């Protein structure tokens, strides 16, 4: 292989590993936590708050037959730092608007009683460990975190490939390195086919 290829592979391998250091450690640790949920778990915290709605929002909700909830959503977001609601339901008979919010390791729900000018905000928040685990899975973590996972995964593949290129530079340890690479390739496959529960004939 050309010397320039080895040079750039080494540089890119070093800088990619440096950039990914924190994320590699994070995903490795949370992978262990997820694999042992009984050992690494925590209590969620439930809570509820009841607040009076501003009159301008109540007037808007009572006036708008099409139910424009933007003013209400903006007020809730400012009050509780909520993300965009994952679902909004309007029970006209009961005069209630229910807004659901998805969160890592938890949720929030705002129940608006229009005629009483009242909002009941129920929520569940997990501890740091459960939040980290949901971040590992990308569960209810938002588009930006989803992009971070995708980009990190692509860079980890690039990191592995540049390491493999570097392996071919040194003849002294090339044989041992290829043996280890083969071991790393076939060991998971053997464990999967021999020990992971499966069904057949369906």
N, C-alpha and C. Protein backbone atom coordinates (compact mmCIF):
# COMPACT_ATOMS: atom_id res chain seq x y z
N UNK A 1 0.84 -1.20 0.00
CA UNK A 1 0.00 0.00 0.00
C UNK A 1 0.88 1.25 0.00
N UNK A 2 0.43 2.33 -0.62
CA UNK A 2 1.24 3.56 -0.68
C UNK A 2 1.51 4.11 0.72
N UNK A 3 2.70 4.71 0.84
CA UNK A 3 3.08 5.27 2.14
C UNK A 3 2.15 6.39 2.57
N UNK A 4 1.66 7.18 1.59
CA UNK A 4 0.75 8.29 1.92
C UNK A 4 -0.55 7.78 2.56
N UNK A 5 -1.02 6.62 2.06
CA UNK A 5 -2.24 6.04 2.61
C UNK A 5 -2.05 5.69 4.08
N UNK A 6 -0.92 5.08 4.40
CA UNK A 6 -0.63 4.73 5.79
C UNK A 6 -0.51 5.98 6.66
N UNK A 7 0.12 7.02 6.10
CA UNK A 7 0.30 8.27 6.84
C UNK A 7 -1.05 8.89 7.19
N UNK A 8 -1.92 8.99 6.19
CA UNK A 8 -3.23 9.60 6.44
C UNK A 8 -4.11 8.71 7.30
N UNK A 9 -4.00 7.41 7.13
CA UNK A 9 -4.79 6.49 7.95
C UNK A 9 -4.40 6.64 9.42
N UNK A 10 -3.10 6.76 9.68
CA UNK A 10 -2.64 6.91 11.07
C UNK A 10 -3.13 8.22 11.67
N UNK A 11 -3.00 9.31 10.91
CA UNK A 11 -3.45 10.62 11.40
C UNK A 11 -4.96 10.61 11.67
N UNK A 12 -5.72 10.12 10.70
CA UNK A 12 -7.17 10.10 10.85
C UNK A 12 -7.60 9.18 11.97
N UNK A 13 -6.91 8.07 12.14
CA UNK A 13 -7.21 7.14 13.22
C UNK A 13 -7.00 7.80 14.58
N UNK A 14 -5.91 8.52 14.71
CA UNK A 14 -5.59 9.19 15.98
C UNK A 14 -6.62 10.27 16.29
N UNK A 15 -6.89 11.14 15.31
CA UNK A 15 -7.79 12.27 15.56
C UNK A 15 -9.24 11.82 15.71
N UNK A 16 -9.63 10.78 14.98
CA UNK A 16 -10.99 10.26 15.13
C UNK A 16 -11.17 9.66 16.52
N UNK A 17 -10.18 8.91 16.98
CA UNK A 17 -10.28 8.32 18.32
C UNK A 17 -10.31 9.40 19.40
N UNK A 18 -9.57 10.47 19.18
CA UNK A 18 -9.57 11.58 20.15
C UNK A 18 -10.93 12.25 20.20
N UNK A 19 -11.51 12.50 19.01
CA UNK A 19 -12.82 13.16 18.95
C UNK A 19 -13.92 12.28 19.53
N UNK A 20 -13.77 10.96 19.37
CA UNK A 20 -14.81 10.03 19.81
C UNK A 20 -14.60 9.52 21.23
N UNK A 21 -13.54 9.94 21.89
CA UNK A 21 -13.19 9.35 23.19
C UNK A 21 -14.35 9.37 24.17
N UNK A 22 -14.94 10.54 24.38
CA UNK A 22 -16.02 10.66 25.38
C UNK A 22 -17.23 9.82 24.97
N UNK A 23 -17.59 9.84 23.68
CA UNK A 23 -18.76 9.09 23.23
C UNK A 23 -18.51 7.58 23.28
N UNK A 24 -17.29 7.15 22.97
CA UNK A 24 -16.97 5.73 23.06
C UNK A 24 -17.12 5.23 24.49
N UNK A 25 -16.59 6.00 25.43
CA UNK A 25 -16.71 5.63 26.84
C UNK A 25 -18.17 5.62 27.27
N UNK A 26 -18.91 6.65 26.83
CA UNK A 26 -20.33 6.75 27.20
C UNK A 26 -21.13 5.56 26.69
N UNK A 27 -21.00 5.23 25.42
CA UNK A 27 -21.79 4.13 24.84
C UNK A 27 -21.33 2.77 25.37
N UNK A 28 -20.06 2.63 25.68
CA UNK A 28 -19.59 1.36 26.28
C UNK A 28 -20.16 1.18 27.68
N UNK A 29 -20.08 2.22 28.50
CA UNK A 29 -20.59 2.14 29.87
C UNK A 29 -22.10 1.91 29.89
N UNK A 30 -22.83 2.69 29.10
CA UNK A 30 -24.29 2.53 29.10
C UNK A 30 -24.70 1.19 28.49
N UNK A 31 -23.87 0.64 27.60
CA UNK A 31 -24.12 -0.70 27.10
C UNK A 31 -24.05 -1.73 28.21
N UNK A 32 -23.07 -1.57 29.12
CA UNK A 32 -22.96 -2.46 30.29
C UNK A 32 -24.16 -2.27 31.21
N UNK A 33 -24.55 -1.01 31.43
CA UNK A 33 -25.71 -0.72 32.29
C UNK A 33 -26.97 -1.38 31.74
N UNK A 34 -27.18 -1.27 30.43
CA UNK A 34 -28.37 -1.85 29.80
C UNK A 34 -28.35 -3.37 29.85
N UNK A 35 -27.16 -3.95 29.82
CA UNK A 35 -27.03 -5.40 29.84
C UNK A 35 -27.27 -5.99 31.23
N UNK A 36 -27.23 -5.12 32.26
CA UNK A 36 -27.44 -5.58 33.64
C UNK A 36 -28.43 -4.64 34.34
N UNK A 37 -29.69 -4.65 33.90
CA UNK A 37 -30.67 -3.69 34.43
C UNK A 37 -30.94 -3.86 35.92
N UNK A 38 -30.82 -5.08 36.45
CA UNK A 38 -31.08 -5.29 37.87
C UNK A 38 -29.98 -4.68 38.74
N UNK A 39 -28.77 -4.67 38.22
CA UNK A 39 -27.65 -4.09 38.98
C UNK A 39 -27.61 -2.57 38.87
N UNK A 40 -28.01 -2.06 37.70
CA UNK A 40 -27.91 -0.62 37.45
C UNK A 40 -29.30 -0.08 37.13
N UNK A 41 -30.04 0.22 38.13
CA UNK A 41 -31.37 0.78 37.95
C UNK A 41 -31.59 1.87 39.00
N UNK A 42 -32.61 2.63 38.80
CA UNK A 42 -32.92 3.70 39.75
C UNK A 42 -34.39 4.01 39.78
N UNK A 43 -34.79 4.75 40.78
CA UNK A 43 -36.18 5.09 40.95
C UNK A 43 -36.55 6.32 40.12
N UNK A 44 -37.71 6.25 39.51
CA UNK A 44 -38.23 7.41 38.79
C UNK A 44 -38.97 8.31 39.77
N UNK A 45 -39.04 9.57 39.44
CA UNK A 45 -39.74 10.53 40.31
C UNK A 45 -41.00 11.01 39.62
N UNK A 46 -42.12 10.81 40.29
CA UNK A 46 -43.41 11.28 39.77
C UNK A 46 -43.80 12.58 40.46
N UNK A 47 -44.45 13.42 39.71
CA UNK A 47 -44.87 14.69 40.29
C UNK A 47 -46.06 15.27 39.54
N UNK A 48 -46.69 16.26 40.16
CA UNK A 48 -47.84 16.91 39.55
C UNK A 48 -47.93 18.35 40.04
N UNK A 49 -48.25 19.25 39.12
CA UNK A 49 -48.46 20.65 39.48
C UNK A 49 -49.75 21.14 38.84
N UNK A 50 -50.49 21.92 39.60
CA UNK A 50 -51.73 22.50 39.09
C UNK A 50 -51.58 24.02 39.08
N UNK A 51 -51.80 24.60 37.91
CA UNK A 51 -51.63 26.04 37.75
C UNK A 51 -52.85 26.67 37.10
N UNK A 52 -52.99 27.96 37.32
CA UNK A 52 -54.06 28.71 36.67
C UNK A 52 -53.57 29.21 35.32
N UNK A 53 -54.41 29.05 34.32
CA UNK A 53 -54.04 29.51 32.98
C UNK A 53 -54.27 31.02 32.84
N UNK A 54 -53.39 31.70 32.13
CA UNK A 54 -53.62 33.12 31.87
C UNK A 54 -54.92 33.32 31.09
N UNK A 55 -55.60 34.40 31.38
CA UNK A 55 -56.92 34.65 30.77
C UNK A 55 -56.84 34.78 29.26
N UNK A 56 -55.73 35.29 28.74
CA UNK A 56 -55.60 35.46 27.29
C UNK A 56 -55.59 34.11 26.58
N UNK A 57 -54.99 33.11 27.23
CA UNK A 57 -54.96 31.76 26.64
C UNK A 57 -56.34 31.12 26.70
N UNK A 58 -57.03 31.31 27.83
CA UNK A 58 -58.38 30.76 27.98
C UNK A 58 -59.30 31.38 26.94
N UNK A 59 -59.22 32.68 26.76
CA UNK A 59 -60.06 33.37 25.77
C UNK A 59 -59.78 32.84 24.37
N UNK A 60 -58.52 32.61 24.07
CA UNK A 60 -58.14 32.10 22.75
C UNK A 60 -58.70 30.71 22.52
N UNK A 61 -58.62 29.85 23.54
CA UNK A 61 -59.12 28.48 23.41
C UNK A 61 -60.64 28.45 23.31
N UNK A 62 -61.32 29.32 24.05
CA UNK A 62 -62.78 29.36 23.99
C UNK A 62 -63.29 29.97 22.70
N UNK A 63 -62.53 30.87 22.13
CA UNK A 63 -62.95 31.58 20.92
C UNK A 63 -62.69 30.78 19.66
N UNK A 64 -61.57 30.03 19.63
CA UNK A 64 -61.14 29.39 18.39
C UNK A 64 -61.80 28.03 18.22
N UNK A 65 -62.75 27.95 17.30
CA UNK A 65 -63.46 26.69 17.07
C UNK A 65 -62.55 25.64 16.44
N UNK A 66 -61.47 26.08 15.74
CA UNK A 66 -60.53 25.15 15.12
C UNK A 66 -59.47 24.69 16.12
N UNK A 67 -59.50 25.26 17.30
CA UNK A 67 -58.58 24.92 18.39
C UNK A 67 -57.12 25.12 17.98
N UNK A 68 -56.72 26.36 17.90
CA UNK A 68 -55.32 26.69 17.69
C UNK A 68 -54.63 26.70 19.05
N UNK A 69 -53.78 25.70 19.27
CA UNK A 69 -53.16 25.54 20.60
C UNK A 69 -51.76 26.14 20.67
N UNK A 70 -51.35 26.88 19.65
CA UNK A 70 -49.97 27.37 19.61
C UNK A 70 -49.65 28.27 20.81
N UNK A 71 -50.58 29.18 21.16
CA UNK A 71 -50.36 30.06 22.30
C UNK A 71 -50.23 29.26 23.59
N UNK A 72 -51.09 28.24 23.73
CA UNK A 72 -51.03 27.37 24.90
C UNK A 72 -49.71 26.60 24.94
N UNK A 73 -49.31 26.04 23.81
CA UNK A 73 -48.05 25.28 23.76
C UNK A 73 -46.85 26.16 24.08
N UNK A 74 -46.85 27.37 23.57
CA UNK A 74 -45.74 28.30 23.86
C UNK A 74 -45.67 28.61 25.35
N UNK A 75 -46.82 28.79 25.97
CA UNK A 75 -46.84 29.10 27.41
C UNK A 75 -46.34 27.91 28.23
N UNK A 76 -46.77 26.69 27.87
CA UNK A 76 -46.31 25.49 28.58
C UNK A 76 -44.81 25.31 28.40
N UNK A 77 -44.33 25.55 27.16
CA UNK A 77 -42.90 25.40 26.90
C UNK A 77 -42.09 26.39 27.72
N UNK A 78 -42.58 27.62 27.83
CA UNK A 78 -41.88 28.64 28.62
C UNK A 78 -41.92 28.30 30.11
N UNK A 79 -43.03 27.72 30.55
CA UNK A 79 -43.20 27.43 31.98
C UNK A 79 -42.42 26.20 32.42
N UNK A 80 -42.41 25.15 31.57
CA UNK A 80 -41.84 23.86 31.99
C UNK A 80 -40.70 23.38 31.10
N UNK A 81 -40.28 24.19 30.13
CA UNK A 81 -39.19 23.82 29.21
C UNK A 81 -39.47 22.51 28.48
N UNK A 82 -40.71 22.30 28.08
CA UNK A 82 -41.09 21.07 27.41
C UNK A 82 -40.63 21.09 25.95
N UNK A 83 -40.44 19.90 25.35
CA UNK A 83 -40.21 19.82 23.90
C UNK A 83 -41.53 19.99 23.16
N UNK A 84 -41.53 19.77 21.87
CA UNK A 84 -42.77 19.78 21.10
C UNK A 84 -43.65 18.62 21.53
N UNK A 85 -44.93 18.87 21.68
CA UNK A 85 -45.84 17.81 22.12
C UNK A 85 -45.87 16.68 21.10
N UNK A 86 -45.81 15.44 21.61
CA UNK A 86 -45.84 14.27 20.72
C UNK A 86 -47.27 13.94 20.30
N UNK A 87 -48.24 14.38 21.08
CA UNK A 87 -49.66 14.15 20.73
C UNK A 87 -50.52 15.18 21.45
N UNK A 88 -51.59 15.61 20.77
CA UNK A 88 -52.54 16.55 21.37
C UNK A 88 -53.94 16.01 21.13
N UNK A 89 -54.71 15.88 22.21
CA UNK A 89 -56.08 15.39 22.10
C UNK A 89 -57.03 16.45 22.67
N UNK A 90 -58.19 16.57 22.04
CA UNK A 90 -59.19 17.54 22.50
C UNK A 90 -60.51 16.81 22.71
N UNK A 91 -60.94 16.78 23.96
CA UNK A 91 -62.22 16.19 24.31
C UNK A 91 -63.22 17.35 24.45
N UNK A 92 -63.99 17.59 23.39
CA UNK A 92 -64.91 18.73 23.39
C UNK A 92 -66.01 18.56 24.43
N UNK A 93 -66.46 17.34 24.61
CA UNK A 93 -67.55 17.09 25.57
C UNK A 93 -67.11 17.44 26.99
N UNK A 94 -65.87 17.06 27.34
CA UNK A 94 -65.35 17.34 28.69
C UNK A 94 -64.70 18.72 28.78
N UNK A 95 -64.44 19.31 27.64
CA UNK A 95 -63.78 20.62 27.65
C UNK A 95 -62.33 20.51 28.10
N UNK A 96 -61.66 19.43 27.68
CA UNK A 96 -60.27 19.19 28.09
C UNK A 96 -59.36 19.05 26.88
N UNK A 97 -58.16 19.58 27.03
CA UNK A 97 -57.11 19.41 26.03
C UNK A 97 -55.96 18.68 26.73
N UNK A 98 -55.50 17.60 26.12
CA UNK A 98 -54.42 16.80 26.72
C UNK A 98 -53.22 16.83 25.78
N UNK A 99 -52.09 17.27 26.30
CA UNK A 99 -50.86 17.33 25.53
C UNK A 99 -49.86 16.35 26.14
N UNK A 100 -49.34 15.45 25.32
CA UNK A 100 -48.37 14.46 25.77
C UNK A 100 -46.97 14.84 25.30
N UNK A 101 -45.99 14.62 26.20
CA UNK A 101 -44.59 14.93 25.88
C UNK A 101 -43.74 13.69 26.19
N UNK A 102 -42.92 13.30 25.23
CA UNK A 102 -42.03 12.16 25.42
C UNK A 102 -40.66 12.65 25.84
N UNK A 103 -40.11 12.02 26.88
CA UNK A 103 -38.81 12.41 27.43
C UNK A 103 -37.95 11.17 27.65
N UNK A 104 -36.63 11.29 27.60
CA UNK A 104 -35.78 10.15 27.98
C UNK A 104 -36.06 9.74 29.42
N UNK A 105 -36.38 8.46 29.62
CA UNK A 105 -36.63 7.89 30.95
C UNK A 105 -37.81 8.55 31.66
N UNK A 106 -38.75 9.10 30.91
CA UNK A 106 -39.89 9.73 31.56
C UNK A 106 -40.90 10.25 30.57
N UNK A 107 -41.81 11.04 31.07
CA UNK A 107 -42.84 11.63 30.22
C UNK A 107 -43.43 12.83 30.95
N UNK A 108 -44.22 13.58 30.22
CA UNK A 108 -45.00 14.67 30.84
C UNK A 108 -46.34 14.73 30.13
N UNK A 109 -47.36 15.11 30.88
CA UNK A 109 -48.69 15.25 30.30
C UNK A 109 -49.36 16.48 30.91
N UNK A 110 -49.83 17.33 30.02
CA UNK A 110 -50.54 18.54 30.45
C UNK A 110 -52.02 18.38 30.13
N UNK A 111 -52.84 18.43 31.17
CA UNK A 111 -54.29 18.36 30.99
C UNK A 111 -54.88 19.74 31.24
N UNK A 112 -55.46 20.32 30.22
CA UNK A 112 -56.01 21.67 30.31
C UNK A 112 -57.53 21.59 30.43
N UNK A 113 -58.06 22.13 31.51
CA UNK A 113 -59.52 22.20 31.71
C UNK A 113 -59.92 23.63 31.37
N UNK A 114 -60.45 23.80 30.19
CA UNK A 114 -60.65 25.14 29.63
C UNK A 114 -61.62 25.97 30.47
N UNK A 115 -62.78 25.41 30.83
CA UNK A 115 -63.79 26.19 31.55
C UNK A 115 -63.31 26.59 32.95
N UNK A 116 -62.43 25.78 33.54
CA UNK A 116 -61.90 26.11 34.87
C UNK A 116 -60.63 26.94 34.80
N UNK A 117 -60.16 27.21 33.58
CA UNK A 117 -58.92 27.98 33.39
C UNK A 117 -57.78 27.38 34.18
N UNK A 118 -57.64 26.06 34.06
CA UNK A 118 -56.69 25.33 34.90
C UNK A 118 -55.88 24.34 34.06
N UNK A 119 -54.65 24.15 34.45
CA UNK A 119 -53.81 23.16 33.81
C UNK A 119 -53.19 22.25 34.88
N UNK A 120 -53.28 20.95 34.64
CA UNK A 120 -52.67 19.96 35.54
C UNK A 120 -51.49 19.35 34.79
N UNK A 121 -50.29 19.56 35.32
CA UNK A 121 -49.08 19.09 34.66
C UNK A 121 -48.51 17.91 35.44
N UNK A 122 -48.68 16.70 34.88
CA UNK A 122 -48.15 15.48 35.49
C UNK A 122 -46.85 15.10 34.78
N UNK A 123 -45.89 14.56 35.55
CA UNK A 123 -44.61 14.22 34.92
C UNK A 123 -43.93 13.08 35.65
N UNK A 124 -43.05 12.44 34.94
CA UNK A 124 -42.16 11.42 35.51
C UNK A 124 -40.76 11.67 34.97
N UNK A 125 -39.79 11.77 35.86
CA UNK A 125 -38.40 11.97 35.46
C UNK A 125 -37.55 10.85 36.05
N UNK A 126 -36.69 10.27 35.23
CA UNK A 126 -35.80 9.22 35.69
C UNK A 126 -34.55 9.80 36.33
N UNK A 127 -33.77 8.92 36.96
CA UNK A 127 -32.49 9.38 37.49
C UNK A 127 -31.47 9.45 36.36
N UNK A 128 -30.26 9.90 36.67
CA UNK A 128 -29.24 10.10 35.63
C UNK A 128 -28.95 8.81 34.87
N UNK A 129 -28.89 7.69 35.61
CA UNK A 129 -28.55 6.42 34.98
C UNK A 129 -29.59 6.00 33.95
N UNK A 130 -30.86 6.12 34.30
CA UNK A 130 -31.92 5.73 33.36
C UNK A 130 -31.99 6.68 32.17
N UNK A 131 -31.67 7.94 32.39
CA UNK A 131 -31.62 8.90 31.28
C UNK A 131 -30.47 8.53 30.33
N UNK A 132 -29.31 8.21 30.90
CA UNK A 132 -28.16 7.81 30.06
C UNK A 132 -28.51 6.58 29.23
N UNK A 133 -29.21 5.62 29.84
CA UNK A 133 -29.57 4.40 29.12
C UNK A 133 -30.50 4.71 27.95
N UNK A 134 -31.45 5.62 28.15
CA UNK A 134 -32.35 5.99 27.06
C UNK A 134 -31.61 6.78 25.99
N UNK A 135 -30.61 7.56 26.40
CA UNK A 135 -29.79 8.26 25.41
C UNK A 135 -28.99 7.27 24.58
N UNK A 136 -28.55 6.20 25.20
CA UNK A 136 -27.84 5.14 24.46
C UNK A 136 -28.73 4.57 23.37
N UNK A 137 -30.00 4.38 23.67
CA UNK A 137 -30.95 3.81 22.70
C UNK A 137 -31.53 4.87 21.76
N UNK A 138 -31.30 6.13 22.07
CA UNK A 138 -31.90 7.20 21.27
C UNK A 138 -33.38 7.31 21.49
N UNK A 139 -33.86 6.91 22.65
CA UNK A 139 -35.30 6.86 22.93
C UNK A 139 -35.79 8.23 23.41
N UNK A 140 -36.69 8.81 22.64
CA UNK A 140 -37.29 10.11 22.97
C UNK A 140 -36.23 11.17 23.25
N UNK A 141 -35.15 11.14 22.49
CA UNK A 141 -34.03 12.04 22.76
C UNK A 141 -33.93 13.20 21.77
N UNK A 142 -34.83 13.24 20.79
CA UNK A 142 -34.84 14.37 19.88
C UNK A 142 -33.99 14.14 18.63
N UNK A 143 -34.22 14.98 17.64
CA UNK A 143 -33.56 14.81 16.34
C UNK A 143 -32.06 15.06 16.42
N UNK A 144 -31.64 16.06 17.20
CA UNK A 144 -30.21 16.39 17.28
C UNK A 144 -29.41 15.22 17.85
N UNK A 145 -29.95 14.59 18.92
CA UNK A 145 -29.24 13.45 19.52
C UNK A 145 -29.26 12.27 18.56
N UNK A 146 -30.34 12.10 17.81
CA UNK A 146 -30.40 11.03 16.82
C UNK A 146 -29.31 11.20 15.77
N UNK A 147 -29.11 12.44 15.33
CA UNK A 147 -28.03 12.71 14.38
C UNK A 147 -26.67 12.43 15.00
N UNK A 148 -26.52 12.77 16.27
CA UNK A 148 -25.25 12.52 16.96
C UNK A 148 -24.94 11.02 16.98
N UNK A 149 -25.95 10.19 17.25
CA UNK A 149 -25.75 8.74 17.25
C UNK A 149 -25.32 8.26 15.87
N UNK A 150 -26.00 8.72 14.82
CA UNK A 150 -25.68 8.29 13.47
C UNK A 150 -24.26 8.70 13.06
N UNK A 151 -23.92 9.95 13.35
CA UNK A 151 -22.59 10.44 12.98
C UNK A 151 -21.51 9.71 13.78
N UNK A 152 -21.78 9.48 15.07
CA UNK A 152 -20.81 8.75 15.91
C UNK A 152 -20.60 7.34 15.39
N UNK A 153 -21.69 6.68 15.00
CA UNK A 153 -21.58 5.32 14.48
C UNK A 153 -20.74 5.30 13.20
N UNK A 154 -20.98 6.26 12.31
CA UNK A 154 -20.21 6.33 11.07
C UNK A 154 -18.73 6.57 11.35
N UNK A 155 -18.44 7.44 12.31
CA UNK A 155 -17.05 7.72 12.66
C UNK A 155 -16.39 6.52 13.34
N UNK A 156 -17.15 5.75 14.11
CA UNK A 156 -16.58 4.55 14.74
C UNK A 156 -16.22 3.51 13.69
N UNK A 157 -17.04 3.39 12.65
CA UNK A 157 -16.71 2.49 11.54
C UNK A 157 -15.44 2.98 10.85
N UNK A 158 -15.35 4.27 10.62
CA UNK A 158 -14.17 4.86 9.99
C UNK A 158 -12.94 4.63 10.87
N UNK A 159 -13.10 4.79 12.17
CA UNK A 159 -12.02 4.56 13.12
C UNK A 159 -11.51 3.12 13.03
N UNK A 160 -12.44 2.16 12.95
CA UNK A 160 -12.08 0.75 12.84
C UNK A 160 -11.36 0.46 11.52
N UNK A 161 -11.85 1.04 10.44
CA UNK A 161 -11.26 0.79 9.12
C UNK A 161 -9.86 1.36 9.01
N UNK A 162 -9.65 2.57 9.55
CA UNK A 162 -8.31 3.15 9.51
C UNK A 162 -7.34 2.35 10.37
N UNK A 163 -7.84 1.80 11.47
CA UNK A 163 -7.00 0.92 12.29
C UNK A 163 -6.60 -0.33 11.53
N UNK A 164 -7.52 -0.84 10.73
CA UNK A 164 -7.23 -2.04 9.93
C UNK A 164 -6.19 -1.73 8.85
N UNK A 165 -6.26 -0.53 8.25
CA UNK A 165 -5.26 -0.12 7.26
C UNK A 165 -3.88 -0.02 7.92
N UNK A 166 -3.83 0.56 9.12
CA UNK A 166 -2.57 0.71 9.83
C UNK A 166 -1.96 -0.66 10.14
N UNK A 167 -2.81 -1.65 10.38
CA UNK A 167 -2.34 -3.00 10.68
C UNK A 167 -1.43 -3.55 9.57
N UNK A 168 -1.74 -3.21 8.32
CA UNK A 168 -0.97 -3.73 7.19
C UNK A 168 0.36 -3.00 6.99
N UNK A 169 0.57 -1.91 7.76
CA UNK A 169 1.82 -1.17 7.61
C UNK A 169 2.98 -1.92 8.26
N UNK A 170 2.71 -2.54 9.40
CA UNK A 170 3.79 -3.22 10.13
C UNK A 170 3.79 -4.72 9.87
N UNK A 171 4.78 -5.21 9.18
CA UNK A 171 4.85 -6.63 8.87
C UNK A 171 5.06 -7.48 10.13
N UNK A 172 5.73 -6.90 11.12
CA UNK A 172 6.12 -7.65 12.32
C UNK A 172 4.91 -8.20 13.06
N UNK A 173 3.85 -7.38 13.19
CA UNK A 173 2.68 -7.78 13.98
C UNK A 173 1.44 -8.02 13.11
N UNK A 174 1.63 -8.07 11.78
CA UNK A 174 0.49 -8.20 10.88
C UNK A 174 -0.24 -9.54 11.08
N UNK A 175 0.52 -10.61 11.20
CA UNK A 175 -0.07 -11.94 11.33
C UNK A 175 -0.92 -12.03 12.60
N UNK A 176 -0.32 -11.59 13.73
CA UNK A 176 -1.06 -11.63 15.00
C UNK A 176 -2.30 -10.76 14.94
N UNK A 177 -2.17 -9.59 14.28
CA UNK A 177 -3.31 -8.69 14.17
C UNK A 177 -4.44 -9.29 13.36
N UNK A 178 -4.11 -9.97 12.27
CA UNK A 178 -5.14 -10.61 11.45
C UNK A 178 -5.81 -11.76 12.18
N UNK A 179 -5.02 -12.49 12.98
CA UNK A 179 -5.60 -13.57 13.78
C UNK A 179 -6.61 -13.01 14.78
N UNK A 180 -6.23 -11.90 15.44
CA UNK A 180 -7.13 -11.27 16.40
C UNK A 180 -8.38 -10.71 15.70
N UNK A 181 -8.19 -10.17 14.51
CA UNK A 181 -9.33 -9.66 13.75
C UNK A 181 -10.30 -10.79 13.41
N UNK A 182 -9.74 -11.94 13.01
CA UNK A 182 -10.57 -13.10 12.72
C UNK A 182 -11.28 -13.60 13.97
N UNK A 183 -10.56 -13.57 15.10
CA UNK A 183 -11.15 -13.97 16.37
C UNK A 183 -12.32 -13.04 16.72
N UNK A 184 -12.11 -11.75 16.52
CA UNK A 184 -13.17 -10.78 16.80
C UNK A 184 -14.36 -10.90 15.87
N UNK A 185 -14.11 -11.40 14.65
CA UNK A 185 -15.20 -11.57 13.69
C UNK A 185 -16.01 -12.83 13.97
N UNK A 186 -15.34 -13.93 14.23
CA UNK A 186 -16.04 -15.21 14.32
C UNK A 186 -16.57 -15.52 15.72
N UNK A 187 -15.96 -14.97 16.77
CA UNK A 187 -16.44 -15.26 18.13
C UNK A 187 -17.90 -14.82 18.34
N UNK A 188 -18.28 -13.59 17.97
CA UNK A 188 -19.70 -13.21 18.13
C UNK A 188 -20.64 -14.10 17.32
N UNK A 189 -20.21 -14.51 16.11
CA UNK A 189 -21.06 -15.36 15.28
C UNK A 189 -21.25 -16.73 15.92
N UNK A 190 -20.18 -17.29 16.46
CA UNK A 190 -20.26 -18.60 17.11
C UNK A 190 -21.17 -18.53 18.34
N UNK A 191 -20.99 -17.49 19.15
CA UNK A 191 -21.81 -17.33 20.36
C UNK A 191 -23.28 -17.15 19.97
N UNK A 192 -23.52 -16.38 18.91
CA UNK A 192 -24.91 -16.16 18.47
C UNK A 192 -25.56 -17.48 18.05
N UNK A 193 -24.92 -18.21 17.17
CA UNK A 193 -25.53 -19.43 16.63
C UNK A 193 -25.60 -20.57 17.64
N UNK A 194 -24.69 -20.60 18.61
CA UNK A 194 -24.66 -21.70 19.56
C UNK A 194 -25.40 -21.41 20.86
N UNK A 195 -25.42 -20.16 21.29
CA UNK A 195 -25.90 -19.89 22.64
C UNK A 195 -27.07 -18.91 22.74
N UNK A 196 -27.33 -18.14 21.69
CA UNK A 196 -28.44 -17.16 21.77
C UNK A 196 -29.74 -17.90 21.46
N UNK A 197 -30.77 -17.78 22.34
CA UNK A 197 -32.05 -18.48 22.10
C UNK A 197 -32.67 -18.06 20.77
N UNK A 198 -33.16 -19.06 20.02
CA UNK A 198 -33.79 -18.81 18.72
C UNK A 198 -34.92 -19.81 18.53
N UNK A 199 -35.76 -19.54 17.55
CA UNK A 199 -36.82 -20.48 17.18
C UNK A 199 -36.67 -20.80 15.70
N UNK A 200 -37.25 -21.91 15.28
CA UNK A 200 -37.20 -22.28 13.86
C UNK A 200 -38.47 -23.02 13.51
N UNK A 201 -38.68 -23.22 12.22
CA UNK A 201 -39.84 -23.97 11.77
C UNK A 201 -41.14 -23.21 11.84
N UNK A 202 -41.06 -21.88 11.86
CA UNK A 202 -42.28 -21.07 11.92
C UNK A 202 -42.54 -20.40 10.58
